[in-house]
Amino acid sequence: MKILVLHGPNLNLFGRREPHIYGTTTLAEINASLQTPAKELDVELEIFQSNHEGALIDKFHENIDSAQGALLKPAGLTQHGVPLHDAIKAMPFPVLEIHMSNIAAREAWRSHSIISPAVKGTVQGLGWRSYTAGLRALVETLRDTKAG
């Protein structure tokens, strides 16, 4: 089973960017933290980060027939990524929206996600653990769907 892990704009700065909100864990450390549960769950991860919406959309398109699901941390595209929203809706597999912070508890403009209506669910507010919780939930959901 192949799972995409897509990180949006500015997430390459995790560990340096607003550590009071996002902590000091780097993107490389987040990606590494996904490897243990991926092995336990017997899934392959394809991990990608871009500061460009089109590159994230291209990655979805490239994997439309090969991925079974995706974790997406849309970052600043959460509120404004209409093309990303549309790409998610075109995918034949479930996508989970990931946020390290609780976006509903932050600035009012951050609390509305235009990505959320296009995804299967959202995991947020758990720091870097939002990614590992999301991975486990996504794989369990996929396996339940196959079994049931």
Foldseek 3Di string as FASTA:
>chain_A
DEEEEEEEAPLQCALPPPCVFQNRQGPVNLVVVQVVVCVVLVYHYDYDYDHDLVVVLVVLVVCLPPHQEYEYAHVPCQQPVPVNLVSLLPRPHAYEYEEAQQQCPDDPSSNHGPNQVSGPYYFYHNRSVSVNVVVVVRSVVSVVVVVD
